[in-house]
């Protein structure tokens, strides 16, 4: 087994601000409604950019979201207008409550803002099929985020299949960063994920430590090991690949830390209606200068 670690220093995130922002986002989505042609409209009348309800009822189990499918060639404007007028409500009786994603769509499996939110997505690109699942516990004051993924290439055999799971225990994260700077680290990393392939397994963890100046020092650890009879081969491969892997982990961690610090410097001064307005602007114009 090979293990790689790198520690970065980032600005500390205030828990109160984080929960305020999460609550504002949940409230904005919860107050949204279905608009013309399946658009998702906020309470102020603006449509969420790039998001359309394709099937089912908005914010109900089985609702399917994505871009509006292009009209078949030769259908003409009349057909497109008729589809928009009918909207996804015409499809509500077909597949409502079905939590099985189709390519390039996101399915809402559960919307219970006081308990949990669950979504599932299926992406097919360049011959690979990737299925993603996300579950957020207690969305208004998030306690945990769970992620699952599986991928395969149709007809590619077991060498083209992989799966993984990850969890961020936010309650454990806050407990870890609230320790005294000189205290021992948490017994278990608050953020951990595993990926499995026929040839190898990987484990990634994030462990935070409070620093004397109030910032956070986050240790990123990556473990790799071969499986079955290929363990000796994997050991040889990792011997030659060690430096590139170390460099890749270091560069990825440093880049993420820079982006984190920049985002916090811009957003954390906002509170109340100013924060809510910023989040709403990001939903309706994600590529704009005010996007989150």
C-alpha atoms as a PDB file:
ATOM      1  CA  UNK A   1       0.000   0.000   0.000  1.00  0.00           C
ATOM      2  CA  UNK A   2       1.171   3.540  -0.755  1.00  0.00           C
ATOM      3  CA  UNK A   3       0.104   6.560   1.291  1.00  0.00           C
ATOM      4  CA  UNK A   4       0.406  10.216   0.284  1.00  0.00           C
ATOM      5  CA  UNK A   5      -0.332  13.252   2.466  1.00  0.00           C
ATOM      6  CA  UNK A   6      -0.301  17.006   2.101  1.00  0.00           C
ATOM      7  CA  UNK A   7      -1.418  19.745   4.506  1.00  0.00           C
ATOM      8  CA  UNK A   8      -2.828  23.106   3.469  1.00  0.00           C
ATOM      9  CA  UNK A   9      -3.834  26.156   5.496  1.00  0.00           C
ATOM     10  CA  UNK A  10      -7.203  27.755   4.773  1.00  0.00           C
ATOM     11  CA  UNK A  11      -9.349  30.483   6.270  1.00  0.00           C
ATOM     12  CA  UNK A  12     -11.749  29.181   8.898  1.00  0.00           C
ATOM     13  CA  UNK A  13     -15.434  29.067   7.996  1.00  0.00           C
ATOM     14  CA  UNK A  14     -17.816  30.429  10.595  1.00  0.00           C
ATOM     15  CA  UNK A  15     -20.395  27.787  11.417  1.00  0.00           C
ATOM     16  CA  UNK A  16     -23.151  30.330  11.975  1.00  0.00           C
ATOM     17  CA  UNK A  17     -22.582  31.884   8.554  1.00  0.00           C
ATOM     18  CA  UNK A  18     -22.481  28.482   6.874  1.00  0.00           C
ATOM     19  CA  UNK A  19     -25.797  27.425   8.393  1.00  0.00           C
ATOM     20  CA  UNK A  20     -27.336  30.795   7.553  1.00  0.00           C
ATOM     21  CA  UNK A  21     -26.291  30.404   3.904  1.00  0.00           C
ATOM     22  CA  UNK A  22     -27.537  26.808   3.767  1.00  0.00           C
ATOM     23  CA  UNK A  23     -30.876  27.817   5.245  1.00  0.00           C
ATOM     24  CA  UNK A  24     -31.261  30.704   2.792  1.00  0.00           C
ATOM     25  CA  UNK A  25     -30.568  28.417  -0.166  1.00  0.00           C
ATOM     26  CA  UNK A  26     -33.063  25.796   1.034  1.00  0.00           C
ATOM     27  CA  UNK A  27     -35.719  28.448   1.631  1.00  0.00           C
ATOM     28  CA  UNK A  28     -35.225  29.920  -1.856  1.00  0.00           C
ATOM     29  CA  UNK A  29     -35.606  26.518  -3.495  1.00  0.00           C
ATOM     30  CA  UNK A  30     -38.517  25.517  -1.266  1.00  0.00           C
ATOM     31  CA  UNK A  31     -40.404  28.692  -2.257  1.00  0.00           C
ATOM     32  CA  UNK A  32     -39.780  28.167  -5.985  1.00  0.00           C
ATOM     33  CA  UNK A  33     -42.466  26.979  -8.383  1.00  0.00           C
ATOM     34  CA  UNK A  34     -42.916  25.535 -11.831  1.00  0.00           C
ATOM     35  CA  UNK A  35     -43.103  28.164 -14.553  1.00  0.00           C
ATOM     36  CA  UNK A  36     -43.870  28.175 -18.294  1.00  0.00           C
ATOM     37  CA  UNK A  37     -42.348  25.306 -20.245  1.00  0.00           C
ATOM     38  CA  UNK A  38     -41.130  23.597 -17.106  1.00  0.00           C
ATOM     39  CA  UNK A  39     -38.886  26.442 -15.966  1.00  0.00           C
ATOM     40  CA  UNK A  40     -38.157  26.702 -12.248  1.00  0.00           C
ATOM     41  CA  UNK A  41     -39.096  30.168 -10.987  1.00  0.00           C
ATOM     42  CA  UNK A  42     -38.031  31.780  -7.717  1.00  0.00           C
ATOM     43  CA  UNK A  43     -40.495  33.642  -5.529  1.00  0.00           C
ATOM     44  CA  UNK A  44     -39.383  36.965  -7.095  1.00  0.00           C
ATOM     45  CA  UNK A  45     -40.387  35.726 -10.559  1.00  0.00           C
ATOM     46  CA  UNK A  46     -36.902  35.067 -11.956  1.00  0.00           C
ATOM     47  CA  UNK A  47     -36.166  31.695 -13.543  1.00  0.00           C
ATOM     48  CA  UNK A  48     -33.280  29.507 -12.357  1.00  0.00           C
ATOM     49  CA  UNK A  49     -30.738  29.424 -15.161  1.00  0.00           C
ATOM     50  CA  UNK A  50     -30.356  26.156 -17.063  1.00  0.00           C
ATOM     51  CA  UNK A  51     -32.847  24.166 -14.977  1.00  0.00           C
ATOM     52  CA  UNK A  52     -36.053  22.711 -16.374  1.00  0.00           C
ATOM     53  CA  UNK A  53     -38.593  20.305 -14.959  1.00  0.00           C
ATOM     54  CA  UNK A  54     -38.797  17.522 -17.525  1.00  0.00           C
ATOM     55  CA  UNK A  55     -41.049  15.082 -15.727  1.00  0.00           C
ATOM     56  CA  UNK A  56     -43.153  14.815 -12.588  1.00  0.00           C
ATOM     57  CA  UNK A  57     -44.139  17.550 -10.140  1.00  0.00           C
ATOM     58  CA  UNK A  58     -41.739  20.194  -8.889  1.00  0.00           C
ATOM     59  CA  UNK A  59     -40.079  19.319  -5.552  1.00  0.00           C
ATOM     60  CA  UNK A  60     -41.878  15.989  -5.378  1.00  0.00           C
ATOM     61  CA  UNK A  61     -40.242  12.583  -5.294  1.00  0.00           C
ATOM     62  CA  UNK A  62     -39.457  11.448  -8.841  1.00  0.00           C
ATOM     63  CA  UNK A  63     -39.267  14.936 -10.346  1.00  0.00           C
ATOM     64  CA  UNK A  64     -36.767  14.907 -13.201  1.00  0.00           C
ATOM     65  CA  UNK A  65     -34.745  18.002 -14.079  1.00  0.00           C
ATOM     66  CA  UNK A  66     -32.410  18.937 -16.898  1.00  0.00           C
ATOM     67  CA  UNK A  67     -32.225  20.923 -20.086  1.00  0.00           C
ATOM     68  CA  UNK A  68     -35.296  20.933 -22.324  1.00  0.00           C
ATOM     69  CA  UNK A  69     -34.734  18.265 -25.018  1.00  0.00           C
ATOM     70  CA  UNK A  70     -34.234  19.613 -28.512  1.00  0.00           C
ATOM     71  CA  UNK A  71     -37.245  19.214 -30.788  1.00  0.00           C
ATOM     72  CA  UNK A  72     -36.915  16.389 -33.387  1.00  0.00           C
ATOM     73  CA  UNK A  73     -35.819  17.542 -36.810  1.00  0.00           C
ATOM     74  CA  UNK A  74     -38.823  18.462 -38.897  1.00  0.00           C
ATOM     75  CA  UNK A  75     -41.126  18.863 -35.924  1.00  0.00           C
ATOM     76  CA  UNK A  76     -41.422  22.572 -36.598  1.00  0.00           C
ATOM     77  CA  UNK A  77     -42.279  25.437 -34.310  1.00  0.00           C
ATOM     78  CA  UNK A  78     -45.807  24.215 -33.787  1.00  0.00           C
ATOM     79  CA  UNK A  79     -44.601  20.990 -32.206  1.00  0.00           C
ATOM     80  CA  UNK A  80     -42.122  22.820 -29.989  1.00  0.00           C
ATOM     81  CA  UNK A  81     -44.771  25.305 -28.856  1.00  0.00           C
ATOM     82  CA  UNK A  82     -47.204  22.497 -28.103  1.00  0.00           C
ATOM     83  CA  UNK A  83     -44.616  20.702 -25.959  1.00  0.00           C
ATOM     84  CA  UNK A  84     -43.875  23.892 -24.040  1.00  0.00           C
ATOM     85  CA  UNK A  85     -47.554  24.589 -23.509  1.00  0.00           C
ATOM     86  CA  UNK A  86     -48.209  21.059 -22.285  1.00  0.00           C
ATOM     87  CA  UNK A  87     -45.183  21.251 -19.991  1.00  0.00           C
ATOM     88  CA  UNK A  88     -43.946  18.452 -17.791  1.00  0.00           C
ATOM     89  CA  UNK A  89     -47.299  18.250 -16.030  1.00  0.00           C
ATOM     90  CA  UNK A  90     -48.494  16.172 -18.975  1.00  0.00           C
ATOM     91  CA  UNK A  91     -45.832  13.620 -18.045  1.00  0.00           C
ATOM     92  CA  UNK A  92     -46.562  13.603 -14.339  1.00  0.00           C
ATOM     93  CA  UNK A  93     -48.717  10.510 -14.591  1.00  0.00           C
ATOM     94  CA  UNK A  94     -45.883   8.628 -16.279  1.00  0.00           C
ATOM     95  CA  UNK A  95     -43.006   7.743 -13.969  1.00  0.00           C
ATOM     96  CA  UNK A  96     -43.779  10.106 -11.090  1.00  0.00           C
ATOM     97  CA  UNK A  97     -41.999   8.803  -8.028  1.00  0.00           C
ATOM     98  CA  UNK A  98     -39.467   6.875 -10.134  1.00  0.00           C
ATOM     99  CA  UNK A  99     -35.991   7.641  -8.754  1.00  0.00           C
ATOM    100  CA  UNK A 100     -34.034   6.272 -11.732  1.00  0.00           C
ATOM    101  CA  UNK A 101     -32.026   8.885 -13.575  1.00  0.00           C
ATOM    102  CA  UNK A 102     -31.697   8.921 -17.357  1.00  0.00           C
ATOM    103  CA  UNK A 103     -28.702  10.353 -19.240  1.00  0.00           C
ATOM    104  CA  UNK A 104     -28.127  14.077 -18.622  1.00  0.00           C
ATOM    105  CA  UNK A 105     -30.866  14.383 -16.034  1.00  0.00           C
ATOM    106  CA  UNK A 106     -31.150  14.814 -12.287  1.00  0.00           C
ATOM    107  CA  UNK A 107     -33.888  13.060 -10.331  1.00  0.00           C
ATOM    108  CA  UNK A 108     -35.117  14.357  -7.002  1.00  0.00           C
ATOM    109  CA  UNK A 109     -35.523  11.274  -4.823  1.00  0.00           C
ATOM    110  CA  UNK A 110     -36.561  13.146  -1.673  1.00  0.00           C
ATOM    111  CA  UNK A 111     -37.244  16.760  -0.721  1.00  0.00           C
ATOM    112  CA  UNK A 112     -37.760  17.082   3.027  1.00  0.00           C
ATOM    113  CA  UNK A 113     -36.017  20.316   4.021  1.00  0.00           C
ATOM    114  CA  UNK A 114     -36.224  19.589   7.744  1.00  0.00           C
ATOM    115  CA  UNK A 115     -34.900  16.036   7.346  1.00  0.00           C
ATOM    116  CA  UNK A 116     -33.037  15.226   4.137  1.00  0.00           C
ATOM    117  CA  UNK A 117     -32.619  15.925   0.428  1.00  0.00           C
ATOM    118  CA  UNK A 118     -31.621  13.181  -1.999  1.00  0.00           C
ATOM    119  CA  UNK A 119     -30.810  13.435  -5.697  1.00  0.00           C
ATOM    120  CA  UNK A 120     -29.538  11.060  -8.351  1.00  0.00           C
ATOM    121  CA  UNK A 121     -27.849  11.868 -11.636  1.00  0.00           C
ATOM    122  CA  UNK A 122     -26.699   9.848 -14.641  1.00  0.00           C
ATOM    123  CA  UNK A 123     -24.078  11.261 -16.997  1.00  0.00           C
ATOM    124  CA  UNK A 124     -23.034   9.569 -20.225  1.00  0.00           C
ATOM    125  CA  UNK A 125     -20.000  11.033 -21.926  1.00  0.00           C
ATOM    126  CA  UNK A 126     -17.405   9.624 -24.331  1.00  0.00           C
ATOM    127  CA  UNK A 127     -18.712   6.096 -23.909  1.00  0.00           C
ATOM    128  CA  UNK A 128     -18.625   6.140 -20.096  1.00  0.00           C
ATOM    129  CA  UNK A 129     -21.747   5.990 -17.943  1.00  0.00           C
ATOM    130  CA  UNK A 130     -21.456   7.609 -14.503  1.00  0.00           C
ATOM    131  CA  UNK A 131     -24.210   7.388 -11.896  1.00  0.00           C
ATOM    132  CA  UNK A 132     -24.065   9.810  -8.957  1.00  0.00           C
ATOM    133  CA  UNK A 133     -26.109   9.888  -5.773  1.00  0.00           C
ATOM    134  CA  UNK A 134     -26.140  12.673  -3.168  1.00  0.00           C
ATOM    135  CA  UNK A 135     -27.848  12.812   0.227  1.00  0.00           C
ATOM    136  CA  UNK A 136     -27.850  15.840   2.519  1.00  0.00           C
ATOM    137  CA  UNK A 137     -29.008  15.382   6.108  1.00  0.00           C
ATOM    138  CA  UNK A 138     -30.879  18.241   7.818  1.00  0.00           C
ATOM    139  CA  UNK A 139     -30.397  20.672   4.899  1.00  0.00           C
ATOM    140  CA  UNK A 140     -31.191  23.874   6.784  1.00  0.00           C
ATOM    141  CA  UNK A 141     -28.448  23.103   9.322  1.00  0.00           C
ATOM    142  CA  UNK A 142     -26.440  20.452   7.451  1.00  0.00           C
ATOM    143  CA  UNK A 143     -25.097  17.593   9.541  1.00  0.00           C
ATOM    144  CA  UNK A 144     -23.795  15.203   6.879  1.00  0.00           C
ATOM    145  CA  UNK A 145     -23.272  14.882   3.133  1.00  0.00           C
ATOM    146  CA  UNK A 146     -23.112  11.420   1.561  1.00  0.00           C
ATOM    147  CA  UNK A 147     -21.983  10.725  -1.999  1.00  0.00           C
ATOM    148  CA  UNK A 148     -22.111   7.512  -4.018  1.00  0.00           C
ATOM    149  CA  UNK A 149     -20.902   6.862  -7.535  1.00  0.00           C
ATOM    150  CA  UNK A 150     -20.551   4.016  -9.977  1.00  0.00           C
ATOM    151  CA  UNK A 151     -19.245   4.010 -13.502  1.00  0.00           C
ATOM    152  CA  UNK A 152     -18.882   1.613 -16.391  1.00  0.00           C
ATOM    153  CA  UNK A 153     -18.372   1.463 -20.106  1.00  0.00           C
ATOM    154  CA  UNK A 154     -21.119  -0.597 -21.766  1.00  0.00           C
ATOM    155  CA  UNK A 155     -19.560  -3.703 -23.237  1.00  0.00           C
ATOM    156  CA  UNK A 156     -16.202  -2.892 -21.659  1.00  0.00           C
ATOM    157  CA  UNK A 157     -16.109  -5.681 -19.096  1.00  0.00           C
ATOM    158  CA  UNK A 158     -15.053  -5.520 -15.459  1.00  0.00           C
ATOM    159  CA  UNK A 159     -11.905  -3.498 -16.191  1.00  0.00           C
ATOM    160  CA  UNK A 160     -14.166  -0.588 -17.139  1.00  0.00           C
ATOM    161  CA  UNK A 161     -16.196  -0.610 -13.932  1.00  0.00           C
ATOM    162  CA  UNK A 162     -15.610   1.227 -10.667  1.00  0.00           C
ATOM    163  CA  UNK A 163     -17.585   2.420  -7.671  1.00  0.00           C
ATOM    164  CA  UNK A 164     -17.109   4.653  -4.680  1.00  0.00           C
ATOM    165  CA  UNK A 165     -18.677   6.162  -1.581  1.00  0.00           C
ATOM    166  CA  UNK A 166     -17.878   9.174   0.522  1.00  0.00           C
ATOM    167  CA  UNK A 167     -19.220  10.990   3.548  1.00  0.00           C
ATOM    168  CA  UNK A 168     -18.599  14.354   5.149  1.00  0.00           C
ATOM    169  CA  UNK A 169     -19.685  14.259   8.782  1.00  0.00           C
ATOM    170  CA  UNK A 170     -20.164  17.973   9.376  1.00  0.00           C
ATOM    171  CA  UNK A 171     -20.985  17.565  13.058  1.00  0.00           C
ATOM    172  CA  UNK A 172     -17.640  15.792  13.519  1.00  0.00           C
ATOM    173  CA  UNK A 173     -15.918  18.472  11.431  1.00  0.00           C
ATOM    174  CA  UNK A 174     -17.147  21.301  13.679  1.00  0.00           C
ATOM    175  CA  UNK A 175     -16.138  19.293  16.754  1.00  0.00           C
ATOM    176  CA  UNK A 176     -12.639  18.823  15.293  1.00  0.00           C
ATOM    177  CA  UNK A 177     -12.054  22.505  14.503  1.00  0.00           C
ATOM    178  CA  UNK A 178     -13.378  23.549  17.927  1.00  0.00           C
ATOM    179  CA  UNK A 179     -10.538  21.682  19.675  1.00  0.00           C
ATOM    180  CA  UNK A 180      -7.631  23.575  21.172  1.00  0.00           C
ATOM    181  CA  UNK A 181      -4.761  24.057  18.673  1.00  0.00           C
ATOM    182  CA  UNK A 182      -2.476  21.705  20.596  1.00  0.00           C
ATOM    183  CA  UNK A 183      -5.068  18.968  21.132  1.00  0.00           C
ATOM    184  CA  UNK A 184      -4.724  15.564  19.405  1.00  0.00           C
ATOM    185  CA  UNK A 185      -6.599  15.240  16.078  1.00  0.00           C
ATOM    186  CA  UNK A 186      -9.965  13.514  15.857  1.00  0.00           C
ATOM    187  CA  UNK A 187      -9.874   9.717  16.058  1.00  0.00           C
ATOM    188  CA  UNK A 188     -11.648   9.465  12.700  1.00  0.00           C
ATOM    189  CA  UNK A 189     -11.341  11.859   9.756  1.00  0.00           C
ATOM    190  CA  UNK A 190     -14.623  13.813   9.395  1.00  0.00           C
ATOM    191  CA  UNK A 191     -14.402  13.465   5.593  1.00  0.00           C
ATOM    192  CA  UNK A 192     -13.602  10.092   4.030  1.00  0.00           C
ATOM    193  CA  UNK A 193     -14.189   8.397   0.713  1.00  0.00           C
ATOM    194  CA  UNK A 194     -13.364   5.081  -0.918  1.00  0.00           C
ATOM    195  CA  UNK A 195     -13.147   4.008  -4.543  1.00  0.00           C
ATOM    196  CA  UNK A 196     -12.944   0.415  -5.753  1.00  0.00           C
ATOM    197  CA  UNK A 197     -11.787  -0.989  -9.081  1.00  0.00           C
ATOM    198  CA  UNK A 198     -11.027  -4.573 -10.038  1.00  0.00           C
ATOM    199  CA  UNK A 199      -7.303  -3.786  -9.931  1.00  0.00           C
ATOM    200  CA  UNK A 200      -7.027  -1.360  -7.017  1.00  0.00           C
ATOM    201  CA  UNK A 201      -8.628   0.421  -4.061  1.00  0.00           C
ATOM    202  CA  UNK A 202      -8.215   4.049  -3.033  1.00  0.00           C
ATOM    203  CA  UNK A 203      -9.121   5.945   0.142  1.00  0.00           C
ATOM    204  CA  UNK A 204      -9.136   9.731   0.546  1.00  0.00           C
ATOM    205  CA  UNK A 205      -9.535  11.539   3.871  1.00  0.00           C
ATOM    206  CA  UNK A 206      -9.606  15.145   5.088  1.00  0.00           C
ATOM    207  CA  UNK A 207      -8.692  15.910   8.688  1.00  0.00           C
ATOM    208  CA  UNK A 208      -8.862  19.505  10.001  1.00  0.00           C
ATOM    209  CA  UNK A 209      -6.718  20.972  12.779  1.00  0.00           C
ATOM    210  CA  UNK A 210      -7.239  24.437  14.317  1.00  0.00           C
ATOM    211  CA  UNK A 211      -4.168  26.671  14.030  1.00  0.00           C
ATOM    212  CA  UNK A 212      -2.957  29.241  16.585  1.00  0.00           C
ATOM    213  CA  UNK A 213      -4.000  32.164  14.359  1.00  0.00           C
ATOM    214  CA  UNK A 214      -7.596  30.908  13.998  1.00  0.00           C
ATOM    215  CA  UNK A 215      -7.160  29.376  10.531  1.00  0.00           C
ATOM    216  CA  UNK A 216      -7.556  25.687   9.709  1.00  0.00           C
ATOM    217  CA  UNK A 217      -4.822  23.276   8.724  1.00  0.00           C
ATOM    218  CA  UNK A 218      -6.331  20.467   6.664  1.00  0.00           C
ATOM    219  CA  UNK A 219      -4.413  17.260   6.057  1.00  0.00           C
ATOM    220  CA  UNK A 220      -5.324  15.461   2.844  1.00  0.00           C
ATOM    221  CA  UNK A 221      -4.376  11.775   2.813  1.00  0.00           C
ATOM    222  CA  UNK A 222      -4.603   9.404  -0.154  1.00  0.00           C
ATOM    223  CA  UNK A 223      -4.020   5.645   0.207  1.00  0.00           C
ATOM    224  CA  UNK A 224      -3.671   3.294  -2.778  1.00  0.00           C
ATOM    225  CA  UNK A 225      -3.366  -0.474  -2.861  1.00  0.00           C
ATOM    226  CA  UNK A 226      -3.602  -3.198  -5.466  1.00  0.00           C
ATOM    227  CA  UNK A 227      -6.148  -6.013  -5.306  1.00  0.00           C
ATOM    228  CA  UNK A 228      -5.915  -9.778  -5.577  1.00  0.00           C
ATOM    229  CA  UNK A 229      -2.929 -11.217  -7.456  1.00  0.00           C
ATOM    230  CA  UNK A 230      -2.046  -7.818  -8.876  1.00  0.00           C
ATOM    231  CA  UNK A 231      -0.756  -6.431  -5.571  1.00  0.00           C
ATOM    232  CA  UNK A 232       2.915  -7.067  -6.497  1.00  0.00           C
ATOM    233  CA  UNK A 233       2.360  -5.420  -9.891  1.00  0.00           C
ATOM    234  CA  UNK A 234       0.634  -2.485  -8.222  1.00  0.00           C
ATOM    235  CA  UNK A 235       3.569  -2.067  -5.848  1.00  0.00           C
ATOM    236  CA  UNK A 236       5.958  -1.763  -8.779  1.00  0.00           C
ATOM    237  CA  UNK A 237       3.695   0.673 -10.631  1.00  0.00           C
ATOM    238  CA  UNK A 238       3.274   2.867  -7.554  1.00  0.00           C
ATOM    239  CA  UNK A 239       7.043   2.892  -7.027  1.00  0.00           C
ATOM    240  CA  UNK A 240       7.544   4.574 -10.407  1.00  0.00           C
ATOM    241  CA  UNK A 241       4.387   6.699 -10.165  1.00  0.00           C
ATOM    242  CA  UNK A 242       4.981   7.965  -6.635  1.00  0.00           C
ATOM    243  CA  UNK A 243       6.351  11.378  -7.548  1.00  0.00           C
ATOM    244  CA  UNK A 244       3.634  12.204 -10.126  1.00  0.00           C
ATOM    245  CA  UNK A 245       0.943  11.150  -7.637  1.00  0.00           C
ATOM    246  CA  UNK A 246       2.501  13.248  -4.862  1.00  0.00           C
ATOM    247  CA  UNK A 247       2.738  16.243  -7.173  1.00  0.00           C
ATOM    248  CA  UNK A 248      -0.843  15.828  -8.368  1.00  0.00           C
ATOM    249  CA  UNK A 249      -2.185  15.596  -4.810  1.00  0.00           C
ATOM    250  CA  UNK A 250      -0.195  18.641  -3.716  1.00  0.00           C
ATOM    251  CA  UNK A 251      -1.282  20.769  -6.680  1.00  0.00           C
ATOM    252  CA  UNK A 252      -4.934  19.782  -6.320  1.00  0.00           C
ATOM    253  CA  UNK A 253      -4.937  20.551  -2.585  1.00  0.00           C
ATOM    254  CA  UNK A 254      -3.215  23.909  -3.000  1.00  0.00           C
ATOM    255  CA  UNK A 255      -5.561  24.932  -5.825  1.00  0.00           C
ATOM    256  CA  UNK A 256      -8.637  24.003  -3.778  1.00  0.00           C
ATOM    257  CA  UNK A 257      -7.288  25.959  -0.802  1.00  0.00           C
ATOM    258  CA  UNK A 258      -6.755  29.073  -2.941  1.00  0.00           C
ATOM    259  CA  UNK A 259     -10.284  28.896  -4.333  1.00  0.00           C
ATOM    260  CA  UNK A 260     -11.708  28.344  -0.830  1.00  0.00           C
ATOM    261  CA  UNK A 261      -9.923  31.398   0.577  1.00  0.00           C
ATOM    262  CA  UNK A 262     -11.014  33.595  -2.323  1.00  0.00           C
ATOM    263  CA  UNK A 263     -14.659  32.544  -2.035  1.00  0.00           C
ATOM    264  CA  UNK A 264     -14.783  33.081   1.726  1.00  0.00           C
ATOM    265  CA  UNK A 265     -13.234  36.539   1.466  1.00  0.00           C
ATOM    266  CA  UNK A 266     -15.984  37.579  -0.972  1.00  0.00           C
ATOM    267  CA  UNK A 267     -19.000  35.940   0.634  1.00  0.00           C
ATOM    268  CA  UNK A 268     -18.692  35.756   4.408  1.00  0.00           C
ATOM    269  CA  UNK A 269     -19.158  39.515   4.981  1.00  0.00           C
ATOM    270  CA  UNK A 270     -22.729  39.096   3.661  1.00  0.00           C
ATOM    271  CA  UNK A 271     -25.611  38.369   6.017  1.00  0.00           C
ATOM    272  CA  UNK A 272     -29.405  38.485   6.059  1.00  0.00           C
ATOM    273  CA  UNK A 273     -31.100  39.854   2.956  1.00  0.00           C
ATOM    274  CA  UNK A 274     -27.766  40.671   1.299  1.00  0.00           C
ATOM    275  CA  UNK A 275     -26.699  37.029   1.545  1.00  0.00           C
ATOM    276  CA  UNK A 276     -30.086  35.799   0.371  1.00  0.00           C
ATOM    277  CA  UNK A 277     -29.961  38.170  -2.625  1.00  0.00           C
ATOM    278  CA  UNK A 278     -26.444  36.989  -3.526  1.00  0.00           C
ATOM    279  CA  UNK A 279     -27.533  33.345  -3.508  1.00  0.00           C
ATOM    280  CA  UNK A 280     -30.637  34.145  -5.584  1.00  0.00           C
ATOM    281  CA  UNK A 281     -28.519  36.056  -8.131  1.00  0.00           C
ATOM    282  CA  UNK A 282     -26.168  33.053  -8.393  1.00  0.00           C
ATOM    283  CA  UNK A 283     -29.124  30.752  -9.110  1.00  0.00           C
ATOM    284  CA  UNK A 284     -30.510  32.889 -11.931  1.00  0.00           C
ATOM    285  CA  UNK A 285     -27.122  33.915 -13.343  1.00  0.00           C
ATOM    286  CA  UNK A 286     -24.493  31.315 -12.379  1.00  0.00           C
ATOM    287  CA  UNK A 287     -21.920  32.637 -14.846  1.00  0.00           C
ATOM    288  CA  UNK A 288     -22.328  36.280 -13.862  1.00  0.00           C
ATOM    289  CA  UNK A 289     -19.863  38.373 -11.851  1.00  0.00           C
ATOM    290  CA  UNK A 290     -21.976  37.972  -8.712  1.00  0.00           C
ATOM    291  CA  UNK A 291     -22.267  34.195  -8.928  1.00  0.00           C
ATOM    292  CA  UNK A 292     -21.311  32.157  -5.897  1.00  0.00           C
END
